[in-house]
C-alpha atoms as a PDB file:
ATOM      1  CA  UNK A   1      -0.041   0.070   0.007  1.00  0.00           C
ATOM      2  CA  UNK A   2       1.254   3.527  -0.824  1.00  0.00           C
ATOM      3  CA  UNK A   3       2.098   5.818   2.048  1.00  0.00           C
ATOM      4  CA  UNK A   4       0.852   8.999   0.348  1.00  0.00           C
ATOM      5  CA  UNK A   5      -1.583   8.891  -2.506  1.00  0.00           C
ATOM      6  CA  UNK A   6      -2.723  12.129  -4.209  1.00  0.00           C
ATOM      7  CA  UNK A   7      -5.207  12.172  -7.181  1.00  0.00           C
ATOM      8  CA  UNK A   8      -6.072  15.456  -8.824  1.00  0.00           C
ATOM      9  CA  UNK A   9      -5.499  17.411  -5.638  1.00  0.00           C
ATOM     10  CA  UNK A  10      -6.349  21.082  -6.009  1.00  0.00           C
ATOM     11  CA  UNK A  11      -6.413  23.874  -3.362  1.00  0.00           C
ATOM     12  CA  UNK A  12      -7.786  27.359  -3.659  1.00  0.00           C
ATOM     13  CA  UNK A  13      -7.517  29.891  -0.974  1.00  0.00           C
ATOM     14  CA  UNK A  14     -10.331  32.513  -0.802  1.00  0.00           C
ATOM     15  CA  UNK A  15      -8.906  35.965   0.048  1.00  0.00           C
ATOM     16  CA  UNK A  16     -10.151  39.525   0.162  1.00  0.00           C
ATOM     17  CA  UNK A  17      -8.427  40.122  -3.143  1.00  0.00           C
ATOM     18  CA  UNK A  18     -10.003  37.119  -4.840  1.00  0.00           C
ATOM     19  CA  UNK A  19      -9.140  33.399  -5.040  1.00  0.00           C
ATOM     20  CA  UNK A  20      -5.546  32.241  -4.967  1.00  0.00           C
ATOM     21  CA  UNK A  21      -5.026  28.881  -6.772  1.00  0.00           C
ATOM     22  CA  UNK A  22      -2.182  27.215  -4.803  1.00  0.00           C
ATOM     23  CA  UNK A  23      -2.435  23.701  -6.182  1.00  0.00           C
ATOM     24  CA  UNK A  24      -3.951  22.258  -9.424  1.00  0.00           C
ATOM     25  CA  UNK A  25      -4.505  18.616 -10.263  1.00  0.00           C
ATOM     26  CA  UNK A  26      -1.606  17.165  -8.333  1.00  0.00           C
ATOM     27  CA  UNK A  27      -1.196  13.393  -8.770  1.00  0.00           C
ATOM     28  CA  UNK A  28       1.530  11.645  -6.833  1.00  0.00           C
ATOM     29  CA  UNK A  29       2.219   8.282  -5.157  1.00  0.00           C
ATOM     30  CA  UNK A  30       4.885   7.815  -2.531  1.00  0.00           C
ATOM     31  CA  UNK A  31       5.847   4.279  -1.339  1.00  0.00           C
ATOM     32  CA  UNK A  32       7.032   3.125   2.094  1.00  0.00           C
ATOM     33  CA  UNK A  33      10.681   4.210   2.883  1.00  0.00           C
ATOM     34  CA  UNK A  34      11.124   6.649   0.110  1.00  0.00           C
ATOM     35  CA  UNK A  35      12.827   9.975   0.477  1.00  0.00           C
ATOM     36  CA  UNK A  36      10.856  12.483  -1.655  1.00  0.00           C
ATOM     37  CA  UNK A  37      11.919  15.994  -2.188  1.00  0.00           C
ATOM     38  CA  UNK A  38       9.626  18.757  -3.476  1.00  0.00           C
ATOM     39  CA  UNK A  39      11.298  21.522  -5.451  1.00  0.00           C
ATOM     40  CA  UNK A  40      10.094  24.480  -7.278  1.00  0.00           C
ATOM     41  CA  UNK A  41      10.022  28.343  -7.276  1.00  0.00           C
ATOM     42  CA  UNK A  42       8.762  30.300  -4.300  1.00  0.00           C
ATOM     43  CA  UNK A  43       5.005  30.182  -4.001  1.00  0.00           C
ATOM     44  CA  UNK A  44       4.620  27.122  -6.209  1.00  0.00           C
ATOM     45  CA  UNK A  45       2.659  25.213  -3.601  1.00  0.00           C
ATOM     46  CA  UNK A  46       5.156  22.715  -2.321  1.00  0.00           C
ATOM     47  CA  UNK A  47       4.778  23.746   1.310  1.00  0.00           C
ATOM     48  CA  UNK A  48       1.011  23.976   0.824  1.00  0.00           C
ATOM     49  CA  UNK A  49       1.035  20.279  -0.439  1.00  0.00           C
ATOM     50  CA  UNK A  50       3.244  19.111   2.482  1.00  0.00           C
ATOM     51  CA  UNK A  51       0.768  20.944   4.951  1.00  0.00           C
ATOM     52  CA  UNK A  52      -2.072  19.312   3.225  1.00  0.00           C
ATOM     53  CA  UNK A  53      -0.460  15.834   3.866  1.00  0.00           C
ATOM     54  CA  UNK A  54      -0.248  16.897   7.463  1.00  0.00           C
ATOM     55  CA  UNK A  55      -3.898  18.117   7.753  1.00  0.00           C
ATOM     56  CA  UNK A  56      -2.795  21.642   8.251  1.00  0.00           C
ATOM     57  CA  UNK A  57      -4.463  22.692   4.922  1.00  0.00           C
ATOM     58  CA  UNK A  58      -7.464  21.108   3.362  1.00  0.00           C
ATOM     59  CA  UNK A  59      -7.712  20.455  -0.400  1.00  0.00           C
ATOM     60  CA  UNK A  60     -10.678  21.965  -2.211  1.00  0.00           C
ATOM     61  CA  UNK A  61     -10.781  19.212  -4.820  1.00  0.00           C
ATOM     62  CA  UNK A  62      -9.308  15.718  -5.445  1.00  0.00           C
ATOM     63  CA  UNK A  63      -8.377  12.905  -3.123  1.00  0.00           C
ATOM     64  CA  UNK A  64      -5.479  12.876  -0.701  1.00  0.00           C
ATOM     65  CA  UNK A  65      -4.744   9.751   1.485  1.00  0.00           C
ATOM     66  CA  UNK A  66      -2.049   9.174   4.125  1.00  0.00           C
ATOM     67  CA  UNK A  67      -1.582   5.407   4.968  1.00  0.00           C
ATOM     68  CA  UNK A  68      -4.878   4.792   3.132  1.00  0.00           C
ATOM     69  CA  UNK A  69      -6.883   7.234   5.297  1.00  0.00           C
ATOM     70  CA  UNK A  70      -7.652  10.914   5.079  1.00  0.00           C
ATOM     71  CA  UNK A  71      -4.920  13.326   6.405  1.00  0.00           C
ATOM     72  CA  UNK A  72      -6.882  14.317   9.468  1.00  0.00           C
ATOM     73  CA  UNK A  73      -7.461  10.764  10.561  1.00  0.00           C
ATOM     74  CA  UNK A  74      -3.694  10.091   9.910  1.00  0.00           C
ATOM     75  CA  UNK A  75      -2.914  12.992  12.238  1.00  0.00           C
ATOM     76  CA  UNK A  76      -5.063  11.615  14.996  1.00  0.00           C
ATOM     77  CA  UNK A  77      -3.315   8.222  14.431  1.00  0.00           C
ATOM     78  CA  UNK A  78       0.069   9.986  14.963  1.00  0.00           C
ATOM     79  CA  UNK A  79       1.201   8.841  11.420  1.00  0.00           C
ATOM     80  CA  UNK A  80       3.793  11.561  10.966  1.00  0.00           C
ATOM     81  CA  UNK A  81       6.124  14.024  12.619  1.00  0.00           C
ATOM     82  CA  UNK A  82       6.569  17.526  11.156  1.00  0.00           C
ATOM     83  CA  UNK A  83       9.692  19.718  11.106  1.00  0.00           C
ATOM     84  CA  UNK A  84       9.106  23.378  10.251  1.00  0.00           C
ATOM     85  CA  UNK A  85      11.591  25.898   8.696  1.00  0.00           C
ATOM     86  CA  UNK A  86      12.435  27.367  12.138  1.00  0.00           C
ATOM     87  CA  UNK A  87      13.167  24.977  15.112  1.00  0.00           C
ATOM     88  CA  UNK A  88      10.295  26.445  17.243  1.00  0.00           C
ATOM     89  CA  UNK A  89      11.836  25.378  20.579  1.00  0.00           C
ATOM     90  CA  UNK A  90      10.435  26.753  23.783  1.00  0.00           C
ATOM     91  CA  UNK A  91      13.341  28.827  25.314  1.00  0.00           C
ATOM     92  CA  UNK A  92      12.313  28.113  28.878  1.00  0.00           C
ATOM     93  CA  UNK A  93      12.382  24.355  28.339  1.00  0.00           C
ATOM     94  CA  UNK A  94      15.555  22.293  28.037  1.00  0.00           C
ATOM     95  CA  UNK A  95      16.309  20.356  24.874  1.00  0.00           C
ATOM     96  CA  UNK A  96      14.994  17.213  26.598  1.00  0.00           C
ATOM     97  CA  UNK A  97      11.920  19.226  27.765  1.00  0.00           C
ATOM     98  CA  UNK A  98      11.199  20.336  24.327  1.00  0.00           C
ATOM     99  CA  UNK A  99      11.351  16.811  22.932  1.00  0.00           C
ATOM    100  CA  UNK A 100       9.288  15.590  25.778  1.00  0.00           C
ATOM    101  CA  UNK A 101       6.376  18.040  25.195  1.00  0.00           C
ATOM    102  CA  UNK A 102       4.455  16.070  22.464  1.00  0.00           C
ATOM    103  CA  UNK A 103       5.098  12.905  24.433  1.00  0.00           C
ATOM    104  CA  UNK A 104       3.509  14.537  27.514  1.00  0.00           C
ATOM    105  CA  UNK A 105       0.538  15.602  25.530  1.00  0.00           C
ATOM    106  CA  UNK A 106       0.091  12.100  24.144  1.00  0.00           C
ATOM    107  CA  UNK A 107       0.248  10.655  27.641  1.00  0.00           C
ATOM    108  CA  UNK A 108       3.466   8.545  27.525  1.00  0.00           C
ATOM    109  CA  UNK A 109       4.759   7.530  30.917  1.00  0.00           C
ATOM    110  CA  UNK A 110       7.747   9.259  32.442  1.00  0.00           C
ATOM    111  CA  UNK A 111      10.000   6.217  31.963  1.00  0.00           C
ATOM    112  CA  UNK A 112       8.824   5.835  28.382  1.00  0.00           C
ATOM    113  CA  UNK A 113       9.526   9.505  27.721  1.00  0.00           C
ATOM    114  CA  UNK A 114      13.048   9.226  29.147  1.00  0.00           C
ATOM    115  CA  UNK A 115      13.773   6.170  27.005  1.00  0.00           C
ATOM    116  CA  UNK A 116      12.512   7.858  23.803  1.00  0.00           C
ATOM    117  CA  UNK A 117      14.299  11.143  24.466  1.00  0.00           C
ATOM    118  CA  UNK A 118      17.626   9.356  25.013  1.00  0.00           C
ATOM    119  CA  UNK A 119      17.157   7.391  21.821  1.00  0.00           C
ATOM    120  CA  UNK A 120      16.292  10.276  19.571  1.00  0.00           C
ATOM    121  CA  UNK A 121      19.054  12.471  21.002  1.00  0.00           C
ATOM    122  CA  UNK A 122      21.450   9.751  20.083  1.00  0.00           C
ATOM    123  CA  UNK A 123      19.909   9.482  16.500  1.00  0.00           C
ATOM    124  CA  UNK A 124      20.609  13.198  15.937  1.00  0.00           C
ATOM    125  CA  UNK A 125      23.961  13.093  17.626  1.00  0.00           C
ATOM    126  CA  UNK A 126      22.925  15.366  20.446  1.00  0.00           C
ATOM    127  CA  UNK A 127      23.576  12.980  23.323  1.00  0.00           C
ATOM    128  CA  UNK A 128      24.853  14.918  26.356  1.00  0.00           C
ATOM    129  CA  UNK A 129      22.882  18.113  25.267  1.00  0.00           C
ATOM    130  CA  UNK A 130      19.473  17.172  26.646  1.00  0.00           C
ATOM    131  CA  UNK A 131      19.935  19.414  29.678  1.00  0.00           C
ATOM    132  CA  UNK A 132      20.996  22.519  27.680  1.00  0.00           C
ATOM    133  CA  UNK A 133      18.549  25.271  26.721  1.00  0.00           C
ATOM    134  CA  UNK A 134      17.969  26.196  23.079  1.00  0.00           C
ATOM    135  CA  UNK A 135      19.916  29.512  23.321  1.00  0.00           C
ATOM    136  CA  UNK A 136      22.935  27.530  24.350  1.00  0.00           C
ATOM    137  CA  UNK A 137      22.917  25.582  21.048  1.00  0.00           C
ATOM    138  CA  UNK A 138      23.970  26.596  17.513  1.00  0.00           C
ATOM    139  CA  UNK A 139      21.317  27.013  14.831  1.00  0.00           C
ATOM    140  CA  UNK A 140      22.226  23.623  13.329  1.00  0.00           C
ATOM    141  CA  UNK A 141      21.928  21.935  16.729  1.00  0.00           C
ATOM    142  CA  UNK A 142      18.609  23.555  17.422  1.00  0.00           C
ATOM    143  CA  UNK A 143      17.280  22.156  14.128  1.00  0.00           C
ATOM    144  CA  UNK A 144      18.590  18.677  14.999  1.00  0.00           C
ATOM    145  CA  UNK A 145      16.658  18.983  18.378  1.00  0.00           C
ATOM    146  CA  UNK A 146      13.594  19.886  16.299  1.00  0.00           C
ATOM    147  CA  UNK A 147      14.107  16.669  14.198  1.00  0.00           C
ATOM    148  CA  UNK A 148      14.471  14.630  17.399  1.00  0.00           C
ATOM    149  CA  UNK A 149      11.183  16.151  18.704  1.00  0.00           C
ATOM    150  CA  UNK A 150       9.482  15.066  15.481  1.00  0.00           C
ATOM    151  CA  UNK A 151      11.003  11.476  15.798  1.00  0.00           C
ATOM    152  CA  UNK A 152      10.212  11.060  19.492  1.00  0.00           C
ATOM    153  CA  UNK A 153       6.827   9.371  19.099  1.00  0.00           C
ATOM    154  CA  UNK A 154       8.192   7.065  16.221  1.00  0.00           C
ATOM    155  CA  UNK A 155       5.899   7.995  13.398  1.00  0.00           C
ATOM    156  CA  UNK A 156       6.649   6.172  10.150  1.00  0.00           C
ATOM    157  CA  UNK A 157       6.417   9.491   8.130  1.00  0.00           C
ATOM    158  CA  UNK A 158       8.622  12.506   8.576  1.00  0.00           C
ATOM    159  CA  UNK A 159       7.611  15.771   6.915  1.00  0.00           C
ATOM    160  CA  UNK A 160      10.160  18.522   6.651  1.00  0.00           C
ATOM    161  CA  UNK A 161       9.511  21.963   5.346  1.00  0.00           C
ATOM    162  CA  UNK A 162      12.952  23.471   4.271  1.00  0.00           C
ATOM    163  CA  UNK A 163      14.442  22.662   7.613  1.00  0.00           C
ATOM    164  CA  UNK A 164      17.996  23.700   6.650  1.00  0.00           C
ATOM    165  CA  UNK A 165      17.226  26.724   4.482  1.00  0.00           C
ATOM    166  CA  UNK A 166      18.464  29.320   7.012  1.00  0.00           C
ATOM    167  CA  UNK A 167      21.803  27.573   7.676  1.00  0.00           C
ATOM    168  CA  UNK A 168      25.103  28.314   6.180  1.00  0.00           C
ATOM    169  CA  UNK A 169      26.465  25.842   3.573  1.00  0.00           C
ATOM    170  CA  UNK A 170      28.954  24.098   5.716  1.00  0.00           C
ATOM    171  CA  UNK A 171      26.411  23.337   8.428  1.00  0.00           C
ATOM    172  CA  UNK A 172      23.891  22.380   5.786  1.00  0.00           C
ATOM    173  CA  UNK A 173      26.182  19.808   4.326  1.00  0.00           C
ATOM    174  CA  UNK A 174      26.828  18.232   7.660  1.00  0.00           C
ATOM    175  CA  UNK A 175      23.033  18.097   8.448  1.00  0.00           C
ATOM    176  CA  UNK A 176      22.324  16.712   5.004  1.00  0.00           C
ATOM    177  CA  UNK A 177      24.788  13.851   5.731  1.00  0.00           C
ATOM    178  CA  UNK A 178      23.284  13.250   9.179  1.00  0.00           C
ATOM    179  CA  UNK A 179      19.721  13.257   7.747  1.00  0.00           C
ATOM    180  CA  UNK A 180      20.675  10.538   5.189  1.00  0.00           C
ATOM    181  CA  UNK A 181      22.229   8.444   7.936  1.00  0.00           C
ATOM    182  CA  UNK A 182      19.031   8.862  10.057  1.00  0.00           C
ATOM    183  CA  UNK A 183      16.878   7.839   7.203  1.00  0.00           C
ATOM    184  CA  UNK A 184      18.911   4.697   6.520  1.00  0.00           C
ATOM    185  CA  UNK A 185      18.803   3.834  10.166  1.00  0.00           C
ATOM    186  CA  UNK A 186      15.069   4.330  10.618  1.00  0.00           C
ATOM    187  CA  UNK A 187      13.596   3.380   7.194  1.00  0.00           C
ATOM    188  CA  UNK A 188      11.037   6.174   7.575  1.00  0.00           C
ATOM    189  CA  UNK A 189       9.237   7.762   4.548  1.00  0.00           C
ATOM    190  CA  UNK A 190      10.414  11.383   4.311  1.00  0.00           C
ATOM    191  CA  UNK A 191       8.752  14.333   2.474  1.00  0.00           C
ATOM    192  CA  UNK A 192      11.218  17.235   2.148  1.00  0.00           C
ATOM    193  CA  UNK A 193      10.606  20.648   0.795  1.00  0.00           C
ATOM    194  CA  UNK A 194      13.711  22.548  -0.594  1.00  0.00           C
ATOM    195  CA  UNK A 195      14.634  25.347  -3.008  1.00  0.00           C
ATOM    196  CA  UNK A 196      18.206  23.851  -3.547  1.00  0.00           C
ATOM    197  CA  UNK A 197      18.753  21.619  -6.520  1.00  0.00           C
ATOM    198  CA  UNK A 198      21.962  20.015  -5.018  1.00  0.00           C
ATOM    199  CA  UNK A 199      20.148  19.314  -1.775  1.00  0.00           C
ATOM    200  CA  UNK A 200      17.229  17.656  -3.554  1.00  0.00           C
ATOM    201  CA  UNK A 201      19.538  15.602  -5.684  1.00  0.00           C
ATOM    202  CA  UNK A 202      21.868  14.558  -2.799  1.00  0.00           C
ATOM    203  CA  UNK A 203      19.065  13.485  -0.398  1.00  0.00           C
ATOM    204  CA  UNK A 204      16.315  11.989  -2.471  1.00  0.00           C
ATOM    205  CA  UNK A 205      15.118   8.648  -4.017  1.00  0.00           C
ATOM    206  CA  UNK A 206      12.436  10.667  -5.798  1.00  0.00           C
ATOM    207  CA  UNK A 207      12.400  14.347  -6.775  1.00  0.00           C
ATOM    208  CA  UNK A 208       9.029  16.022  -7.495  1.00  0.00           C
ATOM    209  CA  UNK A 209       9.527  19.199  -9.628  1.00  0.00           C
ATOM    210  CA  UNK A 210       6.706  21.747  -9.375  1.00  0.00           C
ATOM    211  CA  UNK A 211       5.657  24.557 -11.515  1.00  0.00           C
ATOM    212  CA  UNK A 212       4.906  28.196 -10.545  1.00  0.00           C
ATOM    213  CA  UNK A 213       1.408  28.861  -9.034  1.00  0.00           C
ATOM    214  CA  UNK A 214      -1.037  27.268  -9.456  1.00  0.00           C
ATOM    215  CA  UNK A 215       1.330  24.523  -8.298  1.00  0.00           C
ATOM    216  CA  UNK A 216       1.310  21.510 -10.687  1.00  0.00           C
ATOM    217  CA  UNK A 217       3.826  18.629 -10.837  1.00  0.00           C
ATOM    218  CA  UNK A 218       5.850  18.912 -13.940  1.00  0.00           C
ATOM    219  CA  UNK A 219       8.164  16.028 -13.541  1.00  0.00           C
ATOM    220  CA  UNK A 220       8.763  13.201 -11.109  1.00  0.00           C
ATOM    221  CA  UNK A 221      12.450  11.962 -11.275  1.00  0.00           C
ATOM    222  CA  UNK A 222      13.509   8.627  -9.711  1.00  0.00           C
ATOM    223  CA  UNK A 223      17.147   8.928  -8.515  1.00  0.00           C
ATOM    224  CA  UNK A 224      19.588   6.323  -9.864  1.00  0.00           C
ATOM    225  CA  UNK A 225      22.143   7.222  -7.119  1.00  0.00           C
ATOM    226  CA  UNK A 226      22.989   4.537  -4.515  1.00  0.00           C
ATOM    227  CA  UNK A 227      21.669   4.872  -0.956  1.00  0.00           C
ATOM    228  CA  UNK A 228      25.113   5.390   0.537  1.00  0.00           C
ATOM    229  CA  UNK A 229      26.120   8.862  -0.651  1.00  0.00           C
ATOM    230  CA  UNK A 230      29.229  10.603   0.521  1.00  0.00           C
ATOM    231  CA  UNK A 231      29.202  14.430  -0.147  1.00  0.00           C
ATOM    232  CA  UNK A 232      31.840  14.054  -2.898  1.00  0.00           C
ATOM    233  CA  UNK A 233      29.191  12.121  -4.947  1.00  0.00           C
ATOM    234  CA  UNK A 234      28.107  15.638  -6.000  1.00  0.00           C
ATOM    235  CA  UNK A 235      31.240  15.759  -8.190  1.00  0.00           C
ATOM    236  CA  UNK A 236      30.257  12.585 -10.166  1.00  0.00           C
ATOM    237  CA  UNK A 237      28.806  12.679 -13.721  1.00  0.00           C
ATOM    238  CA  UNK A 238      25.693  10.886 -12.385  1.00  0.00           C
ATOM    239  CA  UNK A 239      24.965  13.583  -9.827  1.00  0.00           C
ATOM    240  CA  UNK A 240      25.642  16.365 -12.318  1.00  0.00           C
ATOM    241  CA  UNK A 241      23.267  14.726 -14.933  1.00  0.00           C
ATOM    242  CA  UNK A 242      20.474  14.302 -12.419  1.00  0.00           C
ATOM    243  CA  UNK A 243      20.885  17.972 -11.311  1.00  0.00           C
ATOM    244  CA  UNK A 244      20.685  18.993 -14.940  1.00  0.00           C
ATOM    245  CA  UNK A 245      17.385  16.851 -15.325  1.00  0.00           C
ATOM    246  CA  UNK A 246      15.979  18.612 -12.256  1.00  0.00           C
ATOM    247  CA  UNK A 247      16.869  22.040 -13.765  1.00  0.00           C
ATOM    248  CA  UNK A 248      15.234  21.146 -17.096  1.00  0.00           C
ATOM    249  CA  UNK A 249      12.114  20.217 -15.167  1.00  0.00           C
ATOM    250  CA  UNK A 250      12.010  23.594 -13.455  1.00  0.00           C
ATOM    251  CA  UNK A 251      12.425  25.309 -16.884  1.00  0.00           C
ATOM    252  CA  UNK A 252       9.576  23.314 -18.212  1.00  0.00           C
ATOM    253  CA  UNK A 253       7.384  24.450 -15.391  1.00  0.00           C
ATOM    254  CA  UNK A 254       8.088  28.101 -16.129  1.00  0.00           C
ATOM    255  CA  UNK A 255       7.544  27.552 -19.752  1.00  0.00           C
ATOM    256  CA  UNK A 256       4.084  25.977 -19.241  1.00  0.00           C
ATOM    257  CA  UNK A 257       2.835  28.754 -16.900  1.00  0.00           C
END
């Protein structure tokens, strides 16, 4: 069974200045364990589509299923964790306290919370930092703590909305490597929004290229790259050819607007 299934999904926002057509006739199937990146120009609807998967927005037409049920039912079933562009950590809570918050809301026991917090801190290489406060950590470490929070209740799906967009290139490279390692360890299905062609190519098993608004899928590209990807894979002919194919897909999208 597919993890995410979209059939002719459209979404129109009603505003004081008239309707805004964010998505139009989006068709997509995502299988278990895939790493799927969504790339396109600003305002193309990639974040709107990710938010629709998470039941934070509601499509106005079409069918969208997550694990075979509607997104709101999937949300209640705790099917996914969501990582926003900014870490969104509470400054008065320690890193462990921030990770614990959703677990507290869900009613996990104190011992279960402690075990889960320890495990996800280790996954994101923050063991020993649980007692620190967010302001004591770098931006990259804060974002890793945000990922740990999304992983804490062990959902099978991880949705990530440009989580590394505000970070410098060196930190971004390190976190890209760490995210791939985490994905291989956990086998989770990941939906990842980015503006970066190299990031999309480096991370993904599938790249979804979207057009300017109203957001349409212009191309879905299956990556031929191996799961084990050192950073220097970006210098290989295979990587460069795949990046070129993504760039061509983006050009097609602009041409059809």
